[in-house]
Amino acid sequence: MGRCAALTRRLAQCNENSEAKANMALITIDELAKLIEHGGTIAGLDLGTKTIGIAVSDNGLVLAHPRKLIRRSKFSLDAVELVQRFQTEKVVAIVIGYPLNMDGSEGPRAQSVKAFVRNYEKFAGTPFVLWDERLSTVAVTRSLIEMDMSRAKRAEKVDSAAASFILQGVLDRLQQLK
């Protein structure tokens, strides 16, 4: 009950401040490159149906580091927890896995990601970059299997590892843009 009470108080603070937040929910990778010139870190998210995988870059924007995942509950509670974590980590932008279909079209999961971004904007003005995540979870799962990780441990690690995989792709792309 303590977590809910603390997050509910934080939610009230976020709602009070939401009017002042800038409307900059989606940006391009080129806009992200300009934004990070001012410092800060970048977060990566992999939205699962039951969990949210999280990764955060180092200050040099070279490596993605997995963080403890969030077990999904009510959206507002999840959003407040993300805001708190991202403030602690000095996150200036969020890269979110965008699950396109194999033919490049948007399906229900892609629409769910867009809805998440739209709703999160009410809590914080942190900009998002949509990043094609096709096969990222498959690649991560194969890597974890190759490391001989048990199925139970893989289930706990795959979403944050996928968030790291997604974020690392963006960090590598930003290095190329320099």
N, C-alpha and C. Protein backbone atom coordinates (compact mmCIF):
# COMPACT_ATOMS: atom_id res chain seq x y z
N MET A 1 0.82 -1.19 0.00
CA MET A 1 0.00 0.00 0.00
C MET A 1 0.86 1.26 0.00
N GLY A 2 2.07 1.18 0.58
CA GLY A 2 2.96 2.34 0.63
C GLY A 2 3.34 2.84 -0.75
N ARG A 3 3.62 1.90 -1.67
CA ARG A 3 4.00 2.27 -3.04
C ARG A 3 2.87 3.03 -3.71
N CYS A 4 1.66 2.52 -3.56
CA CYS A 4 0.51 3.17 -4.19
C CYS A 4 0.27 4.57 -3.64
N ALA A 5 0.39 4.72 -2.31
CA ALA A 5 0.17 6.03 -1.70
C ALA A 5 1.21 7.04 -2.18
N ALA A 6 2.47 6.61 -2.21
CA ALA A 6 3.55 7.50 -2.65
C ALA A 6 3.37 7.87 -4.12
N LEU A 7 3.01 6.89 -4.94
CA LEU A 7 2.82 7.15 -6.36
C LEU A 7 1.59 8.02 -6.61
N THR A 8 0.57 7.83 -5.79
CA THR A 8 -0.62 8.67 -5.94
C THR A 8 -0.30 10.13 -5.63
N ARG A 9 0.51 10.36 -4.57
CA ARG A 9 0.93 11.74 -4.27
C ARG A 9 1.74 12.31 -5.43
N ARG A 10 2.63 11.49 -5.98
CA ARG A 10 3.47 11.95 -7.10
C ARG A 10 2.61 12.23 -8.32
N LEU A 11 1.59 11.41 -8.52
CA LEU A 11 0.66 11.61 -9.64
C LEU A 11 -0.02 12.97 -9.53
N ALA A 12 -0.43 13.33 -8.33
CA ALA A 12 -1.07 14.64 -8.13
C ALA A 12 -0.10 15.76 -8.49
N GLN A 13 1.18 15.62 -8.11
CA GLN A 13 2.18 16.63 -8.46
C GLN A 13 2.36 16.71 -9.96
N CYS A 14 2.41 15.54 -10.62
CA CYS A 14 2.58 15.52 -12.08
C CYS A 14 1.40 16.19 -12.77
N ASN A 15 0.19 15.92 -12.30
CA ASN A 15 -0.99 16.53 -12.90
C ASN A 15 -0.98 18.04 -12.75
N GLU A 16 -0.49 18.53 -11.60
CA GLU A 16 -0.40 19.98 -11.40
C GLU A 16 0.58 20.60 -12.38
N ASN A 17 1.65 19.88 -12.69
CA ASN A 17 2.69 20.40 -13.57
C ASN A 17 2.45 20.12 -15.05
N SER A 18 1.44 19.30 -15.36
CA SER A 18 1.26 18.88 -16.75
C SER A 18 0.92 20.04 -17.68
N GLU A 19 0.27 21.06 -17.17
CA GLU A 19 -0.06 22.22 -17.99
C GLU A 19 1.19 22.91 -18.53
N ALA A 20 2.26 22.87 -17.74
CA ALA A 20 3.48 23.58 -18.11
C ALA A 20 4.38 22.77 -19.04
N LYS A 21 4.08 21.49 -19.22
CA LYS A 21 4.94 20.63 -20.04
C LYS A 21 4.80 20.99 -21.52
N ALA A 22 5.93 20.94 -22.22
CA ALA A 22 5.92 21.24 -23.66
C ALA A 22 5.30 20.08 -24.43
N ASN A 23 4.66 20.39 -25.53
CA ASN A 23 4.06 19.36 -26.37
C ASN A 23 5.08 18.90 -27.40
N MET A 24 5.91 17.97 -27.00
CA MET A 24 6.94 17.48 -27.91
C MET A 24 7.08 15.98 -27.78
N ALA A 25 5.95 15.27 -27.86
CA ALA A 25 5.93 13.83 -27.61
C ALA A 25 6.83 13.05 -28.57
N LEU A 26 6.76 13.28 -29.87
CA LEU A 26 7.55 12.49 -30.82
C LEU A 26 8.56 13.37 -31.55
N ILE A 27 9.80 12.88 -31.57
CA ILE A 27 10.86 13.57 -32.31
C ILE A 27 11.58 12.55 -33.17
N THR A 28 12.35 13.04 -34.13
CA THR A 28 13.13 12.17 -35.01
C THR A 28 14.51 11.93 -34.40
N ILE A 29 15.24 11.00 -34.97
CA ILE A 29 16.60 10.72 -34.50
C ILE A 29 17.50 11.93 -34.70
N ASP A 30 17.28 12.70 -35.77
CA ASP A 30 18.08 13.91 -36.00
C ASP A 30 17.79 14.97 -34.94
N GLU A 31 16.53 15.10 -34.56
CA GLU A 31 16.17 16.05 -33.49
C GLU A 31 16.75 15.59 -32.16
N LEU A 32 16.79 14.27 -31.95
CA LEU A 32 17.39 13.72 -30.73
C LEU A 32 18.88 14.07 -30.68
N ALA A 33 19.56 13.96 -31.80
CA ALA A 33 20.99 14.28 -31.84
C ALA A 33 21.24 15.72 -31.42
N LYS A 34 20.39 16.63 -31.83
CA LYS A 34 20.53 18.04 -31.42
C LYS A 34 20.20 18.22 -29.94
N LEU A 35 19.18 17.51 -29.47
CA LEU A 35 18.75 17.63 -28.09
C LEU A 35 19.84 17.19 -27.11
N ILE A 36 20.53 16.11 -27.41
CA ILE A 36 21.51 15.57 -26.46
C ILE A 36 22.81 16.37 -26.43
N GLU A 37 22.95 17.32 -27.32
CA GLU A 37 24.13 18.19 -27.27
C GLU A 37 24.19 18.96 -25.95
N HIS A 38 23.05 19.10 -25.29
CA HIS A 38 22.95 19.86 -24.04
C HIS A 38 23.17 18.99 -22.81
N GLY A 39 23.47 17.69 -23.00
CA GLY A 39 23.72 16.80 -21.88
C GLY A 39 22.51 15.97 -21.50
N GLY A 40 22.72 15.08 -20.55
CA GLY A 40 21.67 14.18 -20.09
C GLY A 40 21.85 12.78 -20.65
N THR A 41 20.95 11.89 -20.24
CA THR A 41 20.99 10.51 -20.70
C THR A 41 19.74 10.23 -21.52
N ILE A 42 19.72 9.05 -22.13
CA ILE A 42 18.57 8.60 -22.93
C ILE A 42 18.09 7.29 -22.33
N ALA A 43 16.79 7.13 -22.22
CA ALA A 43 16.19 5.89 -21.73
C ALA A 43 15.65 5.09 -22.90
N GLY A 44 15.62 3.79 -22.74
CA GLY A 44 15.00 2.90 -23.71
C GLY A 44 13.88 2.14 -23.03
N LEU A 45 12.77 1.98 -23.72
CA LEU A 45 11.63 1.23 -23.19
C LEU A 45 11.21 0.14 -24.16
N ASP A 46 10.89 -1.02 -23.58
CA ASP A 46 10.27 -2.10 -24.33
C ASP A 46 8.96 -2.42 -23.63
N LEU A 47 7.85 -2.07 -24.27
CA LEU A 47 6.53 -2.27 -23.66
C LEU A 47 6.06 -3.68 -23.89
N GLY A 48 5.92 -4.41 -22.81
CA GLY A 48 5.30 -5.72 -22.87
C GLY A 48 3.88 -5.60 -22.34
N THR A 49 3.12 -6.66 -22.46
CA THR A 49 1.76 -6.62 -21.95
C THR A 49 1.73 -6.71 -20.43
N LYS A 50 2.75 -7.35 -19.83
CA LYS A 50 2.79 -7.51 -18.38
C LYS A 50 3.89 -6.69 -17.71
N THR A 51 4.92 -6.33 -18.47
CA THR A 51 6.04 -5.59 -17.91
C THR A 51 6.51 -4.50 -18.86
N ILE A 52 7.28 -3.56 -18.31
CA ILE A 52 7.94 -2.53 -19.12
C ILE A 52 9.43 -2.71 -18.88
N GLY A 53 10.14 -3.07 -19.94
CA GLY A 53 11.58 -3.18 -19.86
C GLY A 53 12.20 -1.80 -19.98
N ILE A 54 13.24 -1.57 -19.17
CA ILE A 54 13.86 -0.24 -19.11
C ILE A 54 15.37 -0.37 -19.24
N ALA A 55 15.96 0.56 -19.98
CA ALA A 55 17.41 0.69 -20.07
C ALA A 55 17.73 2.18 -20.06
N VAL A 56 18.91 2.53 -19.60
CA VAL A 56 19.34 3.92 -19.58
C VAL A 56 20.78 3.98 -20.09
N SER A 57 21.09 4.99 -20.86
CA SER A 57 22.44 5.16 -21.39
C SER A 57 23.38 5.66 -20.30
N ASP A 58 24.66 5.51 -20.55
CA ASP A 58 25.64 6.16 -19.68
C ASP A 58 25.68 7.64 -20.05
N ASN A 59 26.41 8.43 -19.27
CA ASN A 59 26.49 9.88 -19.53
C ASN A 59 27.17 10.20 -20.85
N GLY A 60 28.05 9.33 -21.30
CA GLY A 60 28.73 9.54 -22.58
C GLY A 60 27.91 9.12 -23.78
N LEU A 61 26.72 8.57 -23.54
CA LEU A 61 25.81 8.13 -24.61
C LEU A 61 26.45 7.10 -25.52
N VAL A 62 27.18 6.15 -24.90
CA VAL A 62 27.85 5.10 -25.65
C VAL A 62 27.23 3.73 -25.38
N LEU A 63 26.90 3.45 -24.13
CA LEU A 63 26.41 2.13 -23.76
C LEU A 63 25.03 2.19 -23.10
N ALA A 64 24.21 1.21 -23.42
CA ALA A 64 22.89 1.05 -22.81
C ALA A 64 23.00 0.07 -21.65
N HIS A 65 22.39 0.42 -20.52
CA HIS A 65 22.44 -0.42 -19.33
C HIS A 65 21.02 -0.78 -18.91
N PRO A 66 20.73 -2.09 -18.79
CA PRO A 66 19.38 -2.48 -18.35
C PRO A 66 19.12 -2.04 -16.92
N ARG A 67 17.87 -1.74 -16.65
CA ARG A 67 17.42 -1.36 -15.32
C ARG A 67 16.30 -2.31 -14.91
N LYS A 68 15.93 -2.25 -13.64
CA LYS A 68 14.86 -3.10 -13.13
C LYS A 68 13.57 -2.80 -13.88
N LEU A 69 12.89 -3.86 -14.32
CA LEU A 69 11.66 -3.66 -15.08
C LEU A 69 10.51 -3.27 -14.16
N ILE A 70 9.47 -2.78 -14.76
CA ILE A 70 8.25 -2.43 -14.03
C ILE A 70 7.18 -3.45 -14.39
N ARG A 71 6.57 -4.02 -13.37
CA ARG A 71 5.41 -4.88 -13.59
C ARG A 71 4.21 -3.96 -13.82
N ARG A 72 3.59 -4.11 -14.97
CA ARG A 72 2.52 -3.18 -15.33
C ARG A 72 1.32 -3.34 -14.42
N SER A 73 0.76 -2.18 -14.07
CA SER A 73 -0.47 -2.15 -13.28
C SER A 73 -1.35 -1.07 -13.92
N LYS A 74 -1.77 -0.13 -13.16
CA LYS A 74 -2.55 0.99 -13.69
C LYS A 74 -1.59 1.94 -14.41
N PHE A 75 -2.00 2.45 -15.56
CA PHE A 75 -1.10 3.29 -16.36
C PHE A 75 -0.53 4.45 -15.56
N SER A 76 -1.38 5.15 -14.83
CA SER A 76 -0.91 6.34 -14.11
C SER A 76 0.17 5.98 -13.09
N LEU A 77 0.04 4.86 -12.42
CA LEU A 77 1.06 4.44 -11.46
C LEU A 77 2.37 4.09 -12.18
N ASP A 78 2.25 3.40 -13.31
CA ASP A 78 3.45 3.06 -14.09
C ASP A 78 4.13 4.33 -14.59
N ALA A 79 3.35 5.28 -15.08
CA ALA A 79 3.91 6.52 -15.61
C ALA A 79 4.63 7.31 -14.53
N VAL A 80 4.03 7.40 -13.37
CA VAL A 80 4.66 8.14 -12.27
C VAL A 80 5.98 7.47 -11.87
N GLU A 81 5.99 6.15 -11.83
CA GLU A 81 7.24 5.45 -11.49
C GLU A 81 8.31 5.72 -12.54
N LEU A 82 7.92 5.73 -13.81
CA LEU A 82 8.88 6.04 -14.87
C LEU A 82 9.41 7.47 -14.73
N VAL A 83 8.52 8.41 -14.47
CA VAL A 83 8.94 9.81 -14.30
C VAL A 83 9.97 9.92 -13.19
N GLN A 84 9.69 9.27 -12.07
CA GLN A 84 10.62 9.33 -10.93
C GLN A 84 11.98 8.74 -11.30
N ARG A 85 11.96 7.58 -11.92
CA ARG A 85 13.22 6.95 -12.31
C ARG A 85 14.00 7.82 -13.30
N PHE A 86 13.29 8.37 -14.26
CA PHE A 86 13.96 9.15 -15.30
C PHE A 86 14.50 10.47 -14.75
N GLN A 87 13.84 11.05 -13.78
CA GLN A 87 14.37 12.26 -13.16
C GLN A 87 15.68 11.94 -12.44
N THR A 88 15.71 10.82 -11.73
CA THR A 88 16.92 10.39 -11.02
C THR A 88 18.08 10.17 -11.98
N GLU A 89 17.78 9.61 -13.14
CA GLU A 89 18.80 9.27 -14.14
C GLU A 89 19.11 10.43 -15.09
N LYS A 90 18.46 11.57 -14.92
CA LYS A 90 18.65 12.76 -15.77
C LYS A 90 18.38 12.44 -17.26
N VAL A 91 17.27 11.76 -17.50
CA VAL A 91 16.87 11.37 -18.85
C VAL A 91 16.27 12.58 -19.57
N VAL A 92 16.78 12.85 -20.78
CA VAL A 92 16.27 13.97 -21.57
C VAL A 92 15.40 13.51 -22.74
N ALA A 93 15.44 12.21 -23.05
CA ALA A 93 14.63 11.67 -24.14
C ALA A 93 14.46 10.17 -23.91
N ILE A 94 13.39 9.64 -24.49
CA ILE A 94 13.07 8.22 -24.34
C ILE A 94 12.94 7.60 -25.72
N VAL A 95 13.63 6.48 -25.91
CA VAL A 95 13.49 5.70 -27.13
C VAL A 95 12.56 4.55 -26.78
N ILE A 96 11.52 4.38 -27.56
CA ILE A 96 10.56 3.33 -27.27
C ILE A 96 10.47 2.39 -28.45
N GLY A 97 10.52 1.10 -28.15
CA GLY A 97 10.42 0.09 -29.21
C GLY A 97 9.09 0.19 -29.91
N TYR A 98 9.14 0.25 -31.23
CA TYR A 98 7.95 0.42 -32.06
C TYR A 98 7.75 -0.87 -32.85
N PRO A 99 6.81 -1.72 -32.40
CA PRO A 99 6.66 -3.05 -32.98
C PRO A 99 5.87 -3.06 -34.29
N LEU A 100 6.56 -2.76 -35.36
CA LEU A 100 5.92 -2.82 -36.67
C LEU A 100 5.75 -4.27 -37.10
N ASN A 101 4.79 -4.52 -37.98
CA ASN A 101 4.65 -5.85 -38.57
C ASN A 101 5.83 -6.10 -39.50
N MET A 102 6.05 -7.33 -39.86
CA MET A 102 7.20 -7.66 -40.71
C MET A 102 7.14 -6.97 -42.07
N ASP A 103 5.95 -6.62 -42.54
CA ASP A 103 5.82 -5.90 -43.82
C ASP A 103 5.95 -4.38 -43.65
N GLY A 104 6.22 -3.93 -42.41
CA GLY A 104 6.39 -2.50 -42.15
C GLY A 104 5.12 -1.78 -41.77
N SER A 105 4.00 -2.46 -41.79
CA SER A 105 2.73 -1.81 -41.44
C SER A 105 2.57 -1.77 -39.92
N GLU A 106 1.66 -0.90 -39.49
CA GLU A 106 1.35 -0.77 -38.07
C GLU A 106 0.22 -1.71 -37.71
N GLY A 107 0.41 -2.44 -36.63
CA GLY A 107 -0.64 -3.31 -36.11
C GLY A 107 -1.14 -2.78 -34.78
N PRO A 108 -1.92 -3.57 -34.08
CA PRO A 108 -2.45 -3.15 -32.78
C PRO A 108 -1.37 -2.82 -31.75
N ARG A 109 -0.27 -3.56 -31.75
CA ARG A 109 0.79 -3.29 -30.78
C ARG A 109 1.46 -1.94 -31.05
N ALA A 110 1.64 -1.60 -32.32
CA ALA A 110 2.22 -0.29 -32.67
C ALA A 110 1.29 0.83 -32.23
N GLN A 111 0.00 0.64 -32.43
CA GLN A 111 -0.97 1.63 -31.98
C GLN A 111 -0.96 1.77 -30.46
N SER A 112 -0.73 0.66 -29.77
CA SER A 112 -0.64 0.68 -28.31
C SER A 112 0.55 1.51 -27.85
N VAL A 113 1.67 1.41 -28.56
CA VAL A 113 2.86 2.21 -28.23
C VAL A 113 2.56 3.69 -28.42
N LYS A 114 1.92 4.03 -29.52
CA LYS A 114 1.57 5.44 -29.75
C LYS A 114 0.63 5.97 -28.66
N ALA A 115 -0.30 5.14 -28.24
CA ALA A 115 -1.22 5.55 -27.17
C ALA A 115 -0.45 5.75 -25.87
N PHE A 116 0.52 4.89 -25.60
CA PHE A 116 1.35 5.03 -24.40
C PHE A 116 2.08 6.36 -24.43
N VAL A 117 2.68 6.71 -25.56
CA VAL A 117 3.40 7.99 -25.70
C VAL A 117 2.45 9.16 -25.47
N ARG A 118 1.29 9.11 -26.10
CA ARG A 118 0.30 10.17 -25.95
C ARG A 118 -0.12 10.34 -24.49
N ASN A 119 -0.36 9.26 -23.81
CA ASN A 119 -0.79 9.31 -22.41
C ASN A 119 0.35 9.72 -21.48
N TYR A 120 1.56 9.28 -21.77
CA TYR A 120 2.71 9.62 -20.92
C TYR A 120 3.00 11.12 -20.98
N GLU A 121 2.71 11.72 -22.10
CA GLU A 121 2.95 13.16 -22.29
C GLU A 121 2.22 13.99 -21.24
N LYS A 122 1.13 13.47 -20.69
CA LYS A 122 0.37 14.18 -19.66
C LYS A 122 1.15 14.23 -18.34
N PHE A 123 2.13 13.35 -18.18
CA PHE A 123 2.91 13.27 -16.95
C PHE A 123 4.25 13.98 -17.04
N ALA A 124 4.82 14.00 -18.22
CA ALA A 124 6.15 14.61 -18.40
C ALA A 124 6.30 15.03 -19.85
N GLY A 125 7.06 16.07 -20.07
CA GLY A 125 7.27 16.58 -21.42
C GLY A 125 8.46 15.94 -22.12
N THR A 126 8.93 14.82 -21.61
CA THR A 126 10.08 14.15 -22.20
C THR A 126 9.75 13.66 -23.60
N PRO A 127 10.55 14.02 -24.60
CA PRO A 127 10.26 13.57 -25.97
C PRO A 127 10.56 12.10 -26.17
N PHE A 128 9.87 11.50 -27.11
CA PHE A 128 10.03 10.09 -27.47
C PHE A 128 10.54 9.96 -28.90
N VAL A 129 11.34 8.94 -29.14
CA VAL A 129 11.73 8.52 -30.48
C VAL A 129 11.18 7.11 -30.66
N LEU A 130 10.40 6.91 -31.71
CA LEU A 130 9.94 5.56 -32.04
C LEU A 130 11.06 4.84 -32.78
N TRP A 131 11.40 3.62 -32.32
CA TRP A 131 12.50 2.88 -32.93
C TRP A 131 12.01 1.50 -33.33
N ASP A 132 12.14 1.17 -34.60
CA ASP A 132 11.70 -0.12 -35.13
C ASP A 132 12.34 -1.25 -34.32
N GLU A 133 11.51 -2.05 -33.69
CA GLU A 133 12.03 -3.11 -32.82
C GLU A 133 11.78 -4.50 -33.39
N ARG A 134 11.47 -4.58 -34.66
CA ARG A 134 11.19 -5.90 -35.23
C ARG A 134 12.31 -6.87 -34.90
N LEU A 135 11.94 -7.98 -34.34
CA LEU A 135 12.84 -9.09 -33.99
C LEU A 135 13.80 -8.79 -32.84
N SER A 136 13.67 -7.66 -32.16
CA SER A 136 14.60 -7.38 -31.06
C SER A 136 14.43 -8.39 -29.92
N THR A 137 13.20 -8.72 -29.57
CA THR A 137 12.98 -9.69 -28.50
C THR A 137 13.48 -11.06 -28.92
N VAL A 138 13.31 -11.40 -30.20
CA VAL A 138 13.82 -12.67 -30.70
C VAL A 138 15.34 -12.72 -30.58
N ALA A 139 16.01 -11.64 -30.99
CA ALA A 139 17.48 -11.59 -30.92
C ALA A 139 17.96 -11.69 -29.47
N VAL A 140 17.30 -10.98 -28.58
CA VAL A 140 17.69 -11.01 -27.17
C VAL A 140 17.45 -12.40 -26.58
N THR A 141 16.31 -12.99 -26.88
CA THR A 141 16.00 -14.33 -26.36
C THR A 141 17.04 -15.33 -26.83
N ARG A 142 17.43 -15.26 -28.10
CA ARG A 142 18.47 -16.17 -28.60
C ARG A 142 19.78 -15.97 -27.87
N SER A 143 20.14 -14.73 -27.61
CA SER A 143 21.38 -14.45 -26.88
C SER A 143 21.32 -15.03 -25.47
N LEU A 144 20.18 -14.87 -24.81
CA LEU A 144 20.04 -15.41 -23.46
C LEU A 144 20.08 -16.93 -23.46
N ILE A 145 19.51 -17.56 -24.48
CA ILE A 145 19.57 -19.02 -24.61
C ILE A 145 21.01 -19.45 -24.82
N GLU A 146 21.74 -18.73 -25.68
CA GLU A 146 23.15 -19.05 -25.92
C GLU A 146 23.99 -18.93 -24.65
N MET A 147 23.55 -18.07 -23.73
CA MET A 147 24.26 -17.93 -22.46
C MET A 147 23.80 -19.00 -21.47
N ASP A 148 22.98 -19.95 -21.94
CA ASP A 148 22.49 -21.06 -21.14
C ASP A 148 21.66 -20.60 -19.94
N MET A 149 20.89 -19.53 -20.15
CA MET A 149 20.04 -19.01 -19.08
C MET A 149 18.74 -19.79 -19.06
N SER A 150 18.28 -20.14 -17.87
CA SER A 150 17.04 -20.91 -17.73
C SER A 150 15.85 -20.11 -18.24
N ARG A 151 14.79 -20.81 -18.56
CA ARG A 151 13.57 -20.18 -19.07
C ARG A 151 13.01 -19.18 -18.06
N ALA A 152 13.02 -19.54 -16.78
CA ALA A 152 12.51 -18.64 -15.73
C ALA A 152 13.34 -17.37 -15.64
N LYS A 153 14.65 -17.47 -15.69
CA LYS A 153 15.51 -16.28 -15.63
C LYS A 153 15.37 -15.44 -16.89
N ARG A 154 15.21 -16.11 -18.04
CA ARG A 154 15.02 -15.37 -19.30
C ARG A 154 13.76 -14.53 -19.23
N ALA A 155 12.69 -15.09 -18.66
CA ALA A 155 11.42 -14.36 -18.57
C ALA A 155 11.59 -13.08 -17.77
N GLU A 156 12.44 -13.10 -16.76
CA GLU A 156 12.69 -11.91 -15.93
C GLU A 156 13.59 -10.89 -16.62
N LYS A 157 14.45 -11.34 -17.51
CA LYS A 157 15.47 -10.47 -18.10
C LYS A 157 15.15 -9.97 -19.50
N VAL A 158 14.27 -10.64 -20.22
CA VAL A 158 14.11 -10.38 -21.65
C VAL A 158 13.62 -8.96 -21.95
N ASP A 159 12.68 -8.41 -21.19
CA ASP A 159 12.16 -7.08 -21.52
C ASP A 159 13.19 -5.98 -21.30
N SER A 160 13.93 -6.04 -20.19
CA SER A 160 14.98 -5.04 -19.96
C SER A 160 16.13 -5.23 -20.93
N ALA A 161 16.43 -6.48 -21.27
CA ALA A 161 17.48 -6.74 -22.26
C ALA A 161 17.04 -6.22 -23.63
N ALA A 162 15.77 -6.38 -23.96
CA ALA A 162 15.25 -5.85 -25.23
C ALA A 162 15.30 -4.32 -25.24
N ALA A 163 14.99 -3.70 -24.09
CA ALA A 163 15.09 -2.24 -23.99
C ALA A 163 16.53 -1.80 -24.22
N SER A 164 17.49 -2.55 -23.67
CA SER A 164 18.91 -2.24 -23.89
C SER A 164 19.29 -2.40 -25.36
N PHE A 165 18.78 -3.45 -25.98
CA PHE A 165 19.05 -3.72 -27.39
C PHE A 165 18.53 -2.56 -28.26
N ILE A 166 17.32 -2.12 -27.97
CA ILE A 166 16.71 -1.01 -28.71
C ILE A 166 17.51 0.27 -28.50
N LEU A 167 17.81 0.57 -27.24
CA LEU A 167 18.55 1.79 -26.92
C LEU A 167 19.95 1.76 -27.52
N GLN A 168 20.60 0.60 -27.48
CA GLN A 168 21.95 0.51 -28.04
C GLN A 168 21.94 0.79 -29.54
N GLY A 169 20.89 0.36 -30.23
CA GLY A 169 20.76 0.67 -31.66
C GLY A 169 20.70 2.17 -31.90
N VAL A 170 19.98 2.88 -31.06
CA VAL A 170 19.89 4.34 -31.19
C VAL A 170 21.23 4.99 -30.85
N LEU A 171 21.87 4.53 -29.78
CA LEU A 171 23.17 5.11 -29.41
C LEU A 171 24.20 4.91 -30.52
N ASP A 172 24.19 3.73 -31.13
CA ASP A 172 25.11 3.47 -32.25
C ASP A 172 24.80 4.39 -33.43
N ARG A 173 23.53 4.58 -33.70
CA ARG A 173 23.13 5.49 -34.80
C ARG A 173 23.55 6.92 -34.51
N LEU A 174 23.41 7.36 -33.26
CA LEU A 174 23.82 8.72 -32.90
C LEU A 174 25.33 8.90 -33.06
N GLN A 175 26.11 7.86 -32.79
CA GLN A 175 27.56 7.95 -32.99
C GLN A 175 27.89 8.14 -34.47
N GLN A 176 27.11 7.51 -35.34
CA GLN A 176 27.30 7.67 -36.78
C GLN A 176 26.95 9.07 -37.26
N LEU A 177 26.01 9.70 -36.59
CA LEU A 177 25.57 11.04 -37.00
C LEU A 177 26.56 12.13 -36.61
N LYS A 178 27.48 11.81 -35.71
CA LYS A 178 28.44 12.82 -35.26
C LYS A 178 29.42 13.20 -36.35
